[in-house]
């Protein structure tokens, strides 16, 4: 290689190293901003394909749109002439009425003697746009509405089936309201976590609880801003991010869901390849708490070889139906 060219390349490399070192703080700032942008892009609400009531239902099932007292829900019932126990379905961070678009599962519940309320709590035209400070009083309204349907529903005796953030919610509601007499929590959290940020400035500011009661946010375990969180958002595997958050013992103590206060049997379900959050670990914490508090009802932790919220696995779905039929449905109704 020509000597002049070699000297020129050395000079350029020297300048490049100097400029890189000089601009290092700016590079770090750029990476942080990019991470926040990715975080907010992943968390921001999108147009949901299930934000509206489904137009078709399986044969033999009646769908009633519930839009009263601030509620926006779908009630499914069969042809029974006597009141039935109600299953309340709670979706996750996808928002909207996602459960209403699983007619095969709703059909199965109705075939086993239940009526079903698919209950969205954000992500529809008439509900909050984001999972942030959702009022628990909203769900009390749903329980009151069910209790008023005396021809179709057995009053004040409901089972909740929630998935992901909806599972966190199901355990939370069960620990507060005596109308809840069974809980199926699919990929739950053992604590209250914050709602996802809704924009760059929100991400840079103070985190907010996903749930509120009497106008005040519930205590929650915040997600620490760290390289672990940034890598988790970039890679899509966020379990370490949540595991790190759970190391904050003070916040965990304040935000732990008191599952021992649930007035009925509990089934928690985790998936071994969950990359959203550490559901096996949190399910173990839930059943350990039930054991330590001498919980008097049936409880079970079922784990399956699947990804986050893969409740459609045949063995998992069969277990859910069996649990509800055996532990919640009264003998005289079978």
C-alpha atoms as a PDB file:
ATOM      1  CA  UNK A   1       0.000   0.000   0.000  1.00  0.00           C
ATOM      2  CA  UNK A   2       1.259   3.511  -0.823  1.00  0.00           C
ATOM      3  CA  UNK A   3       2.990   5.179   2.158  1.00  0.00           C
ATOM      4  CA  UNK A   4       0.942   8.363   1.701  1.00  0.00           C
ATOM      5  CA  UNK A   5      -2.313   6.363   1.832  1.00  0.00           C
ATOM      6  CA  UNK A   6      -1.166   4.588   5.024  1.00  0.00           C
ATOM      7  CA  UNK A   7      -0.420   7.914   6.734  1.00  0.00           C
ATOM      8  CA  UNK A   8      -3.798   9.286   5.619  1.00  0.00           C
ATOM      9  CA  UNK A   9      -5.661   6.242   7.045  1.00  0.00           C
ATOM     10  CA  UNK A  10      -3.816   6.518  10.372  1.00  0.00           C
ATOM     11  CA  UNK A  11      -4.732  10.188  10.657  1.00  0.00           C
ATOM     12  CA  UNK A  12      -8.389   9.445   9.899  1.00  0.00           C
ATOM     13  CA  UNK A  13      -8.547   6.632  12.450  1.00  0.00           C
ATOM     14  CA  UNK A  14      -6.948   8.869  15.056  1.00  0.00           C
ATOM     15  CA  UNK A  15      -9.532  11.582  14.397  1.00  0.00           C
ATOM     16  CA  UNK A  16     -12.338   8.992  14.511  1.00  0.00           C
ATOM     17  CA  UNK A  17     -11.216   7.680  17.917  1.00  0.00           C
ATOM     18  CA  UNK A  18     -10.882  11.212  19.237  1.00  0.00           C
ATOM     19  CA  UNK A  19     -14.341  12.208  18.002  1.00  0.00           C
ATOM     20  CA  UNK A  20     -15.918   9.018  19.358  1.00  0.00           C
ATOM     21  CA  UNK A  21     -14.440   9.597  22.822  1.00  0.00           C
ATOM     22  CA  UNK A  22     -15.380  13.260  22.705  1.00  0.00           C
ATOM     23  CA  UNK A  23     -18.962  12.458  21.718  1.00  0.00           C
ATOM     24  CA  UNK A  24     -19.399   9.527  24.137  1.00  0.00           C
ATOM     25  CA  UNK A  25     -21.868  11.364  26.412  1.00  0.00           C
ATOM     26  CA  UNK A  26     -23.935  12.258  23.372  1.00  0.00           C
ATOM     27  CA  UNK A  27     -23.843   8.651  22.167  1.00  0.00           C
ATOM     28  CA  UNK A  28     -25.103   7.470  25.557  1.00  0.00           C
ATOM     29  CA  UNK A  29     -27.846  10.081  25.484  1.00  0.00           C
ATOM     30  CA  UNK A  30     -28.819   8.964  21.990  1.00  0.00           C
ATOM     31  CA  UNK A  31     -29.042   5.325  23.101  1.00  0.00           C
ATOM     32  CA  UNK A  32     -31.162   6.265  26.115  1.00  0.00           C
ATOM     33  CA  UNK A  33     -33.539   8.301  23.958  1.00  0.00           C
ATOM     34  CA  UNK A  34     -33.755   5.471  21.435  1.00  0.00           C
ATOM     35  CA  UNK A  35     -34.547   3.036  24.250  1.00  0.00           C
ATOM     36  CA  UNK A  36     -37.307   5.265  25.585  1.00  0.00           C
ATOM     37  CA  UNK A  37     -38.724   5.669  22.089  1.00  0.00           C
ATOM     38  CA  UNK A  38     -38.753   1.897  21.702  1.00  0.00           C
ATOM     39  CA  UNK A  39     -40.360   1.549  25.136  1.00  0.00           C
ATOM     40  CA  UNK A  40     -43.132   3.962  24.291  1.00  0.00           C
ATOM     41  CA  UNK A  41     -43.616   2.511  20.825  1.00  0.00           C
ATOM     42  CA  UNK A  42     -44.116  -0.923  22.346  1.00  0.00           C
ATOM     43  CA  UNK A  43     -46.439   0.415  25.025  1.00  0.00           C
ATOM     44  CA  UNK A  44     -48.461   3.042  23.189  1.00  0.00           C
ATOM     45  CA  UNK A  45     -52.083   2.180  22.400  1.00  0.00           C
ATOM     46  CA  UNK A  46     -52.824   1.044  18.881  1.00  0.00           C
ATOM     47  CA  UNK A  47     -56.072   0.665  16.993  1.00  0.00           C
ATOM     48  CA  UNK A  48     -57.500  -2.579  18.315  1.00  0.00           C
ATOM     49  CA  UNK A  49     -59.296  -5.072  16.093  1.00  0.00           C
ATOM     50  CA  UNK A  50     -61.533  -6.010  19.052  1.00  0.00           C
ATOM     51  CA  UNK A  51     -62.486  -2.602  20.377  1.00  0.00           C
ATOM     52  CA  UNK A  52     -66.076  -3.128  19.188  1.00  0.00           C
ATOM     53  CA  UNK A  53     -68.650  -5.770  20.027  1.00  0.00           C
ATOM     54  CA  UNK A  54     -68.410  -8.892  17.821  1.00  0.00           C
ATOM     55  CA  UNK A  55     -71.134  -9.195  15.208  1.00  0.00           C
ATOM     56  CA  UNK A  56     -71.506 -12.982  15.242  1.00  0.00           C
ATOM     57  CA  UNK A  57     -71.787 -15.544  18.049  1.00  0.00           C
ATOM     58  CA  UNK A  58     -72.046 -19.345  18.064  1.00  0.00           C
ATOM     59  CA  UNK A  59     -75.470 -20.865  17.502  1.00  0.00           C
ATOM     60  CA  UNK A  60     -77.513 -21.180  20.674  1.00  0.00           C
ATOM     61  CA  UNK A  61     -75.744 -18.293  22.412  1.00  0.00           C
ATOM     62  CA  UNK A  62     -77.244 -14.858  22.950  1.00  0.00           C
ATOM     63  CA  UNK A  63     -75.005 -11.784  23.134  1.00  0.00           C
ATOM     64  CA  UNK A  64     -76.163  -8.755  25.077  1.00  0.00           C
ATOM     65  CA  UNK A  65     -74.169  -5.523  24.753  1.00  0.00           C
ATOM     66  CA  UNK A  66     -73.889  -3.887  28.183  1.00  0.00           C
ATOM     67  CA  UNK A  67     -73.536  -0.117  27.945  1.00  0.00           C
ATOM     68  CA  UNK A  68     -74.967   1.290  31.157  1.00  0.00           C
ATOM     69  CA  UNK A  69     -73.576   3.120  34.196  1.00  0.00           C
ATOM     70  CA  UNK A  70     -70.232   3.595  32.432  1.00  0.00           C
ATOM     71  CA  UNK A  71     -69.836  -0.098  31.614  1.00  0.00           C
ATOM     72  CA  UNK A  72     -68.815  -1.366  28.189  1.00  0.00           C
ATOM     73  CA  UNK A  73     -69.071  -5.149  28.204  1.00  0.00           C
ATOM     74  CA  UNK A  74     -70.441  -8.197  26.401  1.00  0.00           C
ATOM     75  CA  UNK A  75     -72.732 -10.658  28.189  1.00  0.00           C
ATOM     76  CA  UNK A  76     -73.108 -14.164  26.725  1.00  0.00           C
ATOM     77  CA  UNK A  77     -75.714 -16.667  27.859  1.00  0.00           C
ATOM     78  CA  UNK A  78     -77.265 -19.858  26.589  1.00  0.00           C
ATOM     79  CA  UNK A  79     -80.793 -21.229  26.638  1.00  0.00           C
ATOM     80  CA  UNK A  80     -81.008 -22.122  30.339  1.00  0.00           C
ATOM     81  CA  UNK A  81     -84.293 -21.143  31.998  1.00  0.00           C
ATOM     82  CA  UNK A  82     -82.742 -20.950  35.458  1.00  0.00           C
ATOM     83  CA  UNK A  83     -80.109 -18.522  36.819  1.00  0.00           C
ATOM     84  CA  UNK A  84     -76.504 -19.591  36.344  1.00  0.00           C
ATOM     85  CA  UNK A  85     -73.164 -18.747  37.871  1.00  0.00           C
ATOM     86  CA  UNK A  86     -71.287 -16.041  35.974  1.00  0.00           C
ATOM     87  CA  UNK A  87     -67.684 -16.114  34.756  1.00  0.00           C
ATOM     88  CA  UNK A  88     -66.117 -12.666  34.330  1.00  0.00           C
ATOM     89  CA  UNK A  89     -63.336 -12.604  31.714  1.00  0.00           C
ATOM     90  CA  UNK A  90     -60.556 -10.001  32.055  1.00  0.00           C
ATOM     91  CA  UNK A  91     -58.075  -9.398  29.232  1.00  0.00           C
ATOM     92  CA  UNK A  92     -54.514  -8.137  29.497  1.00  0.00           C
ATOM     93  CA  UNK A  93     -52.475  -5.200  28.267  1.00  0.00           C
ATOM     94  CA  UNK A  94     -53.789  -5.650  24.718  1.00  0.00           C
ATOM     95  CA  UNK A  95     -56.888  -3.814  25.923  1.00  0.00           C
ATOM     96  CA  UNK A  96     -60.362  -3.917  24.446  1.00  0.00           C
ATOM     97  CA  UNK A  97     -62.788  -6.810  24.501  1.00  0.00           C
ATOM     98  CA  UNK A  98     -60.254  -9.463  23.484  1.00  0.00           C
ATOM     99  CA  UNK A  99     -62.082 -12.314  25.259  1.00  0.00           C
ATOM    100  CA  UNK A 100     -65.218 -11.624  23.196  1.00  0.00           C
ATOM    101  CA  UNK A 101     -63.256 -12.792  20.155  1.00  0.00           C
ATOM    102  CA  UNK A 102     -62.679 -16.277  21.575  1.00  0.00           C
ATOM    103  CA  UNK A 103     -66.135 -17.735  20.898  1.00  0.00           C
ATOM    104  CA  UNK A 104     -64.919 -21.329  21.216  1.00  0.00           C
ATOM    105  CA  UNK A 105     -63.874 -20.768  24.843  1.00  0.00           C
ATOM    106  CA  UNK A 106     -67.082 -18.885  25.643  1.00  0.00           C
ATOM    107  CA  UNK A 107     -69.068 -21.712  24.032  1.00  0.00           C
ATOM    108  CA  UNK A 108     -67.230 -24.218  26.229  1.00  0.00           C
ATOM    109  CA  UNK A 109     -68.003 -22.254  29.395  1.00  0.00           C
ATOM    110  CA  UNK A 110     -71.678 -21.984  28.480  1.00  0.00           C
ATOM    111  CA  UNK A 111     -71.836 -25.697  27.627  1.00  0.00           C
ATOM    112  CA  UNK A 112     -70.586 -26.393  31.161  1.00  0.00           C
ATOM    113  CA  UNK A 113     -73.396 -24.425  32.768  1.00  0.00           C
ATOM    114  CA  UNK A 114     -72.090 -20.870  33.085  1.00  0.00           C
ATOM    115  CA  UNK A 115     -73.007 -17.475  31.716  1.00  0.00           C
ATOM    116  CA  UNK A 116     -70.148 -15.178  30.713  1.00  0.00           C
ATOM    117  CA  UNK A 117     -69.353 -11.471  31.035  1.00  0.00           C
ATOM    118  CA  UNK A 118     -66.472 -10.357  28.823  1.00  0.00           C
ATOM    119  CA  UNK A 119     -65.379  -7.199  30.627  1.00  0.00           C
ATOM    120  CA  UNK A 120     -62.929  -4.765  28.999  1.00  0.00           C
ATOM    121  CA  UNK A 121     -61.568  -2.012  31.218  1.00  0.00           C
ATOM    122  CA  UNK A 122     -59.631   0.135  28.753  1.00  0.00           C
ATOM    123  CA  UNK A 123     -59.105   0.369  25.022  1.00  0.00           C
ATOM    124  CA  UNK A 124     -62.649   0.952  23.728  1.00  0.00           C
ATOM    125  CA  UNK A 125     -64.347   4.155  22.591  1.00  0.00           C
ATOM    126  CA  UNK A 126     -66.106   4.681  25.926  1.00  0.00           C
ATOM    127  CA  UNK A 127     -63.333   3.509  28.283  1.00  0.00           C
ATOM    128  CA  UNK A 128     -59.891   4.907  29.162  1.00  0.00           C
ATOM    129  CA  UNK A 129     -57.406   4.692  26.318  1.00  0.00           C
ATOM    130  CA  UNK A 130     -54.516   3.441  28.454  1.00  0.00           C
ATOM    131  CA  UNK A 131     -53.800   1.001  31.270  1.00  0.00           C
ATOM    132  CA  UNK A 132     -53.224   3.661  33.890  1.00  0.00           C
ATOM    133  CA  UNK A 133     -55.043   4.310  37.162  1.00  0.00           C
ATOM    134  CA  UNK A 134     -57.982   2.085  36.195  1.00  0.00           C
ATOM    135  CA  UNK A 135     -60.619   2.513  38.899  1.00  0.00           C
ATOM    136  CA  UNK A 136     -61.534  -0.633  40.821  1.00  0.00           C
ATOM    137  CA  UNK A 137     -64.984   0.906  41.348  1.00  0.00           C
ATOM    138  CA  UNK A 138     -65.622   0.215  37.653  1.00  0.00           C
ATOM    139  CA  UNK A 139     -65.629  -3.509  38.408  1.00  0.00           C
ATOM    140  CA  UNK A 140     -68.028  -3.019  41.308  1.00  0.00           C
ATOM    141  CA  UNK A 141     -70.450  -1.600  38.752  1.00  0.00           C
ATOM    142  CA  UNK A 142     -70.078  -4.799  36.734  1.00  0.00           C
ATOM    143  CA  UNK A 143     -70.816  -6.934  39.803  1.00  0.00           C
ATOM    144  CA  UNK A 144     -73.902  -4.822  40.541  1.00  0.00           C
ATOM    145  CA  UNK A 145     -75.108  -5.200  36.963  1.00  0.00           C
ATOM    146  CA  UNK A 146     -74.727  -8.973  37.139  1.00  0.00           C
ATOM    147  CA  UNK A 147     -76.618  -9.091  40.428  1.00  0.00           C
ATOM    148  CA  UNK A 148     -79.523  -7.244  38.807  1.00  0.00           C
ATOM    149  CA  UNK A 149     -79.907  -9.944  36.120  1.00  0.00           C
ATOM    150  CA  UNK A 150     -81.782 -12.248  38.470  1.00  0.00           C
ATOM    151  CA  UNK A 151     -83.468 -14.282  35.713  1.00  0.00           C
ATOM    152  CA  UNK A 152     -80.110 -15.254  34.212  1.00  0.00           C
ATOM    153  CA  UNK A 153     -77.443 -14.872  36.914  1.00  0.00           C
ATOM    154  CA  UNK A 154     -76.933 -16.217  40.429  1.00  0.00           C
ATOM    155  CA  UNK A 155     -76.230 -13.025  42.362  1.00  0.00           C
ATOM    156  CA  UNK A 156     -73.033 -12.164  44.216  1.00  0.00           C
ATOM    157  CA  UNK A 157     -71.183 -15.364  43.378  1.00  0.00           C
ATOM    158  CA  UNK A 158     -68.748 -14.847  40.517  1.00  0.00           C
ATOM    159  CA  UNK A 159     -65.552 -16.396  39.178  1.00  0.00           C
ATOM    160  CA  UNK A 160     -62.889 -14.266  37.517  1.00  0.00           C
ATOM    161  CA  UNK A 161     -60.684 -15.522  34.700  1.00  0.00           C
ATOM    162  CA  UNK A 162     -57.875 -13.084  33.885  1.00  0.00           C
ATOM    163  CA  UNK A 163     -54.819 -13.252  31.660  1.00  0.00           C
ATOM    164  CA  UNK A 164     -51.529 -11.377  32.251  1.00  0.00           C
ATOM    165  CA  UNK A 165     -52.417  -7.882  33.566  1.00  0.00           C
ATOM    166  CA  UNK A 166     -55.997  -9.145  33.748  1.00  0.00           C
ATOM    167  CA  UNK A 167     -54.740 -11.968  36.002  1.00  0.00           C
ATOM    168  CA  UNK A 168     -53.074  -9.418  38.267  1.00  0.00           C
ATOM    169  CA  UNK A 169     -56.414  -7.612  38.295  1.00  0.00           C
ATOM    170  CA  UNK A 170     -58.406 -10.794  39.006  1.00  0.00           C
ATOM    171  CA  UNK A 171     -56.319 -11.543  42.111  1.00  0.00           C
ATOM    172  CA  UNK A 172     -56.590  -7.920  43.204  1.00  0.00           C
ATOM    173  CA  UNK A 173     -60.394  -7.854  42.849  1.00  0.00           C
ATOM    174  CA  UNK A 174     -60.737 -11.244  44.500  1.00  0.00           C
ATOM    175  CA  UNK A 175     -58.799 -10.020  47.513  1.00  0.00           C
ATOM    176  CA  UNK A 176     -61.159  -7.032  47.906  1.00  0.00           C
ATOM    177  CA  UNK A 177     -64.682  -8.071  46.968  1.00  0.00           C
ATOM    178  CA  UNK A 178     -66.599 -10.961  48.615  1.00  0.00           C
ATOM    179  CA  UNK A 179     -68.716 -11.425  45.459  1.00  0.00           C
ATOM    180  CA  UNK A 180     -65.674 -13.074  43.901  1.00  0.00           C
ATOM    181  CA  UNK A 181     -65.724 -16.731  44.918  1.00  0.00           C
ATOM    182  CA  UNK A 182     -63.116 -18.207  42.549  1.00  0.00           C
ATOM    183  CA  UNK A 183     -60.142 -16.915  40.560  1.00  0.00           C
ATOM    184  CA  UNK A 184     -58.273 -18.309  37.569  1.00  0.00           C
ATOM    185  CA  UNK A 185     -55.130 -16.215  37.061  1.00  0.00           C
ATOM    186  CA  UNK A 186     -53.300 -16.999  33.809  1.00  0.00           C
ATOM    187  CA  UNK A 187     -49.734 -15.642  33.887  1.00  0.00           C
ATOM    188  CA  UNK A 188     -50.397 -13.395  36.897  1.00  0.00           C
ATOM    189  CA  UNK A 189     -48.256 -11.008  38.869  1.00  0.00           C
ATOM    190  CA  UNK A 190     -47.896 -11.413  42.598  1.00  0.00           C
ATOM    191  CA  UNK A 191     -47.714  -7.628  43.028  1.00  0.00           C
ATOM    192  CA  UNK A 192     -49.199  -4.502  41.492  1.00  0.00           C
ATOM    193  CA  UNK A 193     -47.044  -3.137  38.675  1.00  0.00           C
ATOM    194  CA  UNK A 194     -47.228   0.242  36.917  1.00  0.00           C
ATOM    195  CA  UNK A 195     -49.116   0.805  33.715  1.00  0.00           C
ATOM    196  CA  UNK A 196     -46.943   1.149  30.592  1.00  0.00           C
ATOM    197  CA  UNK A 197     -45.854   4.688  29.664  1.00  0.00           C
ATOM    198  CA  UNK A 198     -48.049   6.451  27.129  1.00  0.00           C
ATOM    199  CA  UNK A 199     -45.382   8.620  25.510  1.00  0.00           C
ATOM    200  CA  UNK A 200     -41.765   9.776  25.686  1.00  0.00           C
ATOM    201  CA  UNK A 201     -42.375  12.466  28.300  1.00  0.00           C
ATOM    202  CA  UNK A 202     -44.462  10.055  30.369  1.00  0.00           C
ATOM    203  CA  UNK A 203     -41.657   7.491  30.202  1.00  0.00           C
ATOM    204  CA  UNK A 204     -39.128  10.068  31.342  1.00  0.00           C
ATOM    205  CA  UNK A 205     -41.374  11.182  34.217  1.00  0.00           C
ATOM    206  CA  UNK A 206     -42.922   9.475  37.216  1.00  0.00           C
ATOM    207  CA  UNK A 207     -44.398   5.993  36.752  1.00  0.00           C
ATOM    208  CA  UNK A 208     -48.073   5.453  37.548  1.00  0.00           C
ATOM    209  CA  UNK A 209     -49.945   2.520  39.035  1.00  0.00           C
ATOM    210  CA  UNK A 210     -52.131   0.532  36.677  1.00  0.00           C
ATOM    211  CA  UNK A 211     -54.975   0.612  39.247  1.00  0.00           C
ATOM    212  CA  UNK A 212     -56.651   3.124  41.517  1.00  0.00           C
ATOM    213  CA  UNK A 213     -59.238   3.044  44.303  1.00  0.00           C
ATOM    214  CA  UNK A 214     -61.264   5.959  45.658  1.00  0.00           C
ATOM    215  CA  UNK A 215     -59.301   8.286  43.420  1.00  0.00           C
ATOM    216  CA  UNK A 216     -55.878   7.217  44.673  1.00  0.00           C
ATOM    217  CA  UNK A 217     -53.325   5.072  42.874  1.00  0.00           C
ATOM    218  CA  UNK A 218     -52.584   1.701  44.473  1.00  0.00           C
ATOM    219  CA  UNK A 219     -49.004   1.131  45.667  1.00  0.00           C
ATOM    220  CA  UNK A 220     -46.913  -0.525  42.968  1.00  0.00           C
ATOM    221  CA  UNK A 221     -43.464  -1.917  42.251  1.00  0.00           C
ATOM    222  CA  UNK A 222     -41.796   0.475  39.832  1.00  0.00           C
ATOM    223  CA  UNK A 223     -39.637  -0.703  36.951  1.00  0.00           C
ATOM    224  CA  UNK A 224     -36.055   0.492  37.545  1.00  0.00           C
ATOM    225  CA  UNK A 225     -34.426   2.473  34.762  1.00  0.00           C
ATOM    226  CA  UNK A 226     -31.350   0.393  34.010  1.00  0.00           C
ATOM    227  CA  UNK A 227     -29.457  -1.317  31.216  1.00  0.00           C
ATOM    228  CA  UNK A 228     -31.374  -4.470  32.145  1.00  0.00           C
ATOM    229  CA  UNK A 229     -34.643  -2.695  31.322  1.00  0.00           C
ATOM    230  CA  UNK A 230     -33.260  -1.197  28.119  1.00  0.00           C
ATOM    231  CA  UNK A 231     -31.904  -4.561  26.923  1.00  0.00           C
ATOM    232  CA  UNK A 232     -35.197  -6.209  27.811  1.00  0.00           C
ATOM    233  CA  UNK A 233     -37.185  -3.742  25.726  1.00  0.00           C
ATOM    234  CA  UNK A 234     -34.804  -4.090  22.772  1.00  0.00           C
ATOM    235  CA  UNK A 235     -34.661  -7.901  22.885  1.00  0.00           C
ATOM    236  CA  UNK A 236     -38.297  -8.550  23.788  1.00  0.00           C
ATOM    237  CA  UNK A 237     -37.289 -10.731  26.770  1.00  0.00           C
ATOM    238  CA  UNK A 238     -38.333  -8.627  29.749  1.00  0.00           C
ATOM    239  CA  UNK A 239     -38.256 -11.227  32.520  1.00  0.00           C
ATOM    240  CA  UNK A 240     -34.960  -9.960  33.987  1.00  0.00           C
ATOM    241  CA  UNK A 241     -36.394  -6.439  34.039  1.00  0.00           C
ATOM    242  CA  UNK A 242     -39.263  -7.580  36.269  1.00  0.00           C
ATOM    243  CA  UNK A 243     -37.032  -9.861  38.355  1.00  0.00           C
ATOM    244  CA  UNK A 244     -34.842  -6.861  39.106  1.00  0.00           C
ATOM    245  CA  UNK A 245     -37.899  -4.811  40.064  1.00  0.00           C
ATOM    246  CA  UNK A 246     -38.953  -7.563  42.487  1.00  0.00           C
ATOM    247  CA  UNK A 247     -35.675  -7.167  44.385  1.00  0.00           C
ATOM    248  CA  UNK A 248     -36.983  -3.934  45.913  1.00  0.00           C
ATOM    249  CA  UNK A 249     -38.308  -5.504  49.110  1.00  0.00           C
ATOM    250  CA  UNK A 250     -39.868  -2.301  50.465  1.00  0.00           C
ATOM    251  CA  UNK A 251     -41.969  -1.672  47.359  1.00  0.00           C
ATOM    252  CA  UNK A 252     -42.807  -5.361  47.028  1.00  0.00           C
ATOM    253  CA  UNK A 253     -44.139  -5.449  50.579  1.00  0.00           C
ATOM    254  CA  UNK A 254     -46.393  -2.443  49.936  1.00  0.00           C
ATOM    255  CA  UNK A 255     -47.629  -3.706  46.564  1.00  0.00           C
ATOM    256  CA  UNK A 256     -48.059  -7.447  47.221  1.00  0.00           C
ATOM    257  CA  UNK A 257     -51.578  -8.640  46.469  1.00  0.00           C
ATOM    258  CA  UNK A 258     -53.118 -10.170  49.643  1.00  0.00           C
ATOM    259  CA  UNK A 259     -54.364 -13.281  47.848  1.00  0.00           C
ATOM    260  CA  UNK A 260     -55.198 -14.996  51.140  1.00  0.00           C
ATOM    261  CA  UNK A 261     -58.260 -12.714  51.358  1.00  0.00           C
ATOM    262  CA  UNK A 262     -59.891 -14.294  48.305  1.00  0.00           C
ATOM    263  CA  UNK A 263     -63.205 -15.942  49.237  1.00  0.00           C
ATOM    264  CA  UNK A 264     -62.822 -19.124  47.215  1.00  0.00           C
ATOM    265  CA  UNK A 265     -60.512 -21.469  45.280  1.00  0.00           C
ATOM    266  CA  UNK A 266     -57.588 -20.142  43.264  1.00  0.00           C
ATOM    267  CA  UNK A 267     -55.893 -21.534  40.160  1.00  0.00           C
ATOM    268  CA  UNK A 268     -52.712 -19.800  39.011  1.00  0.00           C
ATOM    269  CA  UNK A 269     -51.124 -20.752  35.698  1.00  0.00           C
ATOM    270  CA  UNK A 270     -47.626 -20.035  34.419  1.00  0.00           C
ATOM    271  CA  UNK A 271     -45.672 -20.827  31.254  1.00  0.00           C
ATOM    272  CA  UNK A 272     -42.068 -21.990  31.348  1.00  0.00           C
ATOM    273  CA  UNK A 273     -40.973 -20.004  28.269  1.00  0.00           C
ATOM    274  CA  UNK A 274     -42.623 -16.754  29.339  1.00  0.00           C
ATOM    275  CA  UNK A 275     -40.455 -13.850  28.124  1.00  0.00           C
ATOM    276  CA  UNK A 276     -42.805 -11.033  29.139  1.00  0.00           C
ATOM    277  CA  UNK A 277     -42.429 -11.389  32.896  1.00  0.00           C
ATOM    278  CA  UNK A 278     -41.387 -14.180  35.315  1.00  0.00           C
ATOM    279  CA  UNK A 279     -44.778 -15.832  35.743  1.00  0.00           C
ATOM    280  CA  UNK A 280     -43.407 -19.110  37.207  1.00  0.00           C
ATOM    281  CA  UNK A 281     -41.568 -17.167  39.934  1.00  0.00           C
ATOM    282  CA  UNK A 282     -44.569 -14.983  40.734  1.00  0.00           C
ATOM    283  CA  UNK A 283     -46.959 -17.948  40.792  1.00  0.00           C
ATOM    284  CA  UNK A 284     -44.638 -19.648  43.266  1.00  0.00           C
ATOM    285  CA  UNK A 285     -44.763 -16.541  45.438  1.00  0.00           C
ATOM    286  CA  UNK A 286     -48.585 -16.563  45.287  1.00  0.00           C
ATOM    287  CA  UNK A 287     -48.981 -20.195  46.355  1.00  0.00           C
ATOM    288  CA  UNK A 288     -46.278 -19.788  49.026  1.00  0.00           C
ATOM    289  CA  UNK A 289     -48.251 -16.891  50.486  1.00  0.00           C
ATOM    290  CA  UNK A 290     -51.478 -18.929  50.406  1.00  0.00           C
ATOM    291  CA  UNK A 291     -49.693 -21.744  52.207  1.00  0.00           C
ATOM    292  CA  UNK A 292     -48.093 -19.479  54.806  1.00  0.00           C
ATOM    293  CA  UNK A 293     -51.415 -17.712  55.493  1.00  0.00           C
ATOM    294  CA  UNK A 294     -53.262 -21.038  55.937  1.00  0.00           C
ATOM    295  CA  UNK A 295     -55.615 -20.352  53.031  1.00  0.00           C
ATOM    296  CA  UNK A 296     -58.705 -22.471  53.660  1.00  0.00           C
ATOM    297  CA  UNK A 297     -59.801 -22.985  50.056  1.00  0.00           C
ATOM    298  CA  UNK A 298     -58.391 -25.134  47.271  1.00  0.00           C
ATOM    299  CA  UNK A 299     -55.416 -23.669  45.404  1.00  0.00           C
ATOM    300  CA  UNK A 300     -53.145 -24.903  42.647  1.00  0.00           C
ATOM    301  CA  UNK A 301     -50.217 -23.747  40.534  1.00  0.00           C
ATOM    302  CA  UNK A 302     -50.212 -25.348  37.096  1.00  0.00           C
ATOM    303  CA  UNK A 303     -47.221 -24.756  34.804  1.00  0.00           C
ATOM    304  CA  UNK A 304     -47.037 -25.555  31.092  1.00  0.00           C
ATOM    305  CA  UNK A 305     -44.353 -25.596  28.417  1.00  0.00           C
ATOM    306  CA  UNK A 306     -45.511 -22.534  26.546  1.00  0.00           C
ATOM    307  CA  UNK A 307     -44.954 -18.842  25.954  1.00  0.00           C
ATOM    308  CA  UNK A 308     -46.650 -15.920  27.704  1.00  0.00           C
ATOM    309  CA  UNK A 309     -50.408 -16.356  28.159  1.00  0.00           C
ATOM    310  CA  UNK A 310     -50.620 -19.410  25.903  1.00  0.00           C
ATOM    311  CA  UNK A 311     -53.816 -20.517  27.638  1.00  0.00           C
ATOM    312  CA  UNK A 312     -55.112 -22.252  24.493  1.00  0.00           C
ATOM    313  CA  UNK A 313     -52.750 -25.202  25.119  1.00  0.00           C
ATOM    314  CA  UNK A 314     -55.180 -28.118  25.334  1.00  0.00           C
ATOM    315  CA  UNK A 315     -54.050 -29.344  28.770  1.00  0.00           C
ATOM    316  CA  UNK A 316     -54.198 -25.818  30.156  1.00  0.00           C
ATOM    317  CA  UNK A 317     -57.657 -25.110  28.780  1.00  0.00           C
ATOM    318  CA  UNK A 318     -58.947 -28.460  30.038  1.00  0.00           C
ATOM    319  CA  UNK A 319     -57.574 -27.681  33.497  1.00  0.00           C
ATOM    320  CA  UNK A 320     -59.322 -24.296  33.558  1.00  0.00           C
ATOM    321  CA  UNK A 321     -62.683 -25.828  32.654  1.00  0.00           C
ATOM    322  CA  UNK A 322     -62.215 -28.671  35.159  1.00  0.00           C
ATOM    323  CA  UNK A 323     -61.265 -26.245  37.937  1.00  0.00           C
ATOM    324  CA  UNK A 324     -64.340 -24.071  37.331  1.00  0.00           C
ATOM    325  CA  UNK A 325     -66.662 -27.090  37.040  1.00  0.00           C
ATOM    326  CA  UNK A 326     -65.337 -28.879  40.116  1.00  0.00           C
ATOM    327  CA  UNK A 327     -64.340 -26.043  42.431  1.00  0.00           C
ATOM    328  CA  UNK A 328     -66.814 -23.278  41.554  1.00  0.00           C
ATOM    329  CA  UNK A 329     -69.917 -24.753  39.945  1.00  0.00           C
ATOM    330  CA  UNK A 330     -72.261 -25.979  42.722  1.00  0.00           C
ATOM    331  CA  UNK A 331     -73.061 -29.678  42.819  1.00  0.00           C
ATOM    332  CA  UNK A 332     -76.800 -29.077  42.426  1.00  0.00           C
ATOM    333  CA  UNK A 333     -76.183 -27.225  39.124  1.00  0.00           C
ATOM    334  CA  UNK A 334     -74.235 -30.011  37.447  1.00  0.00           C
END
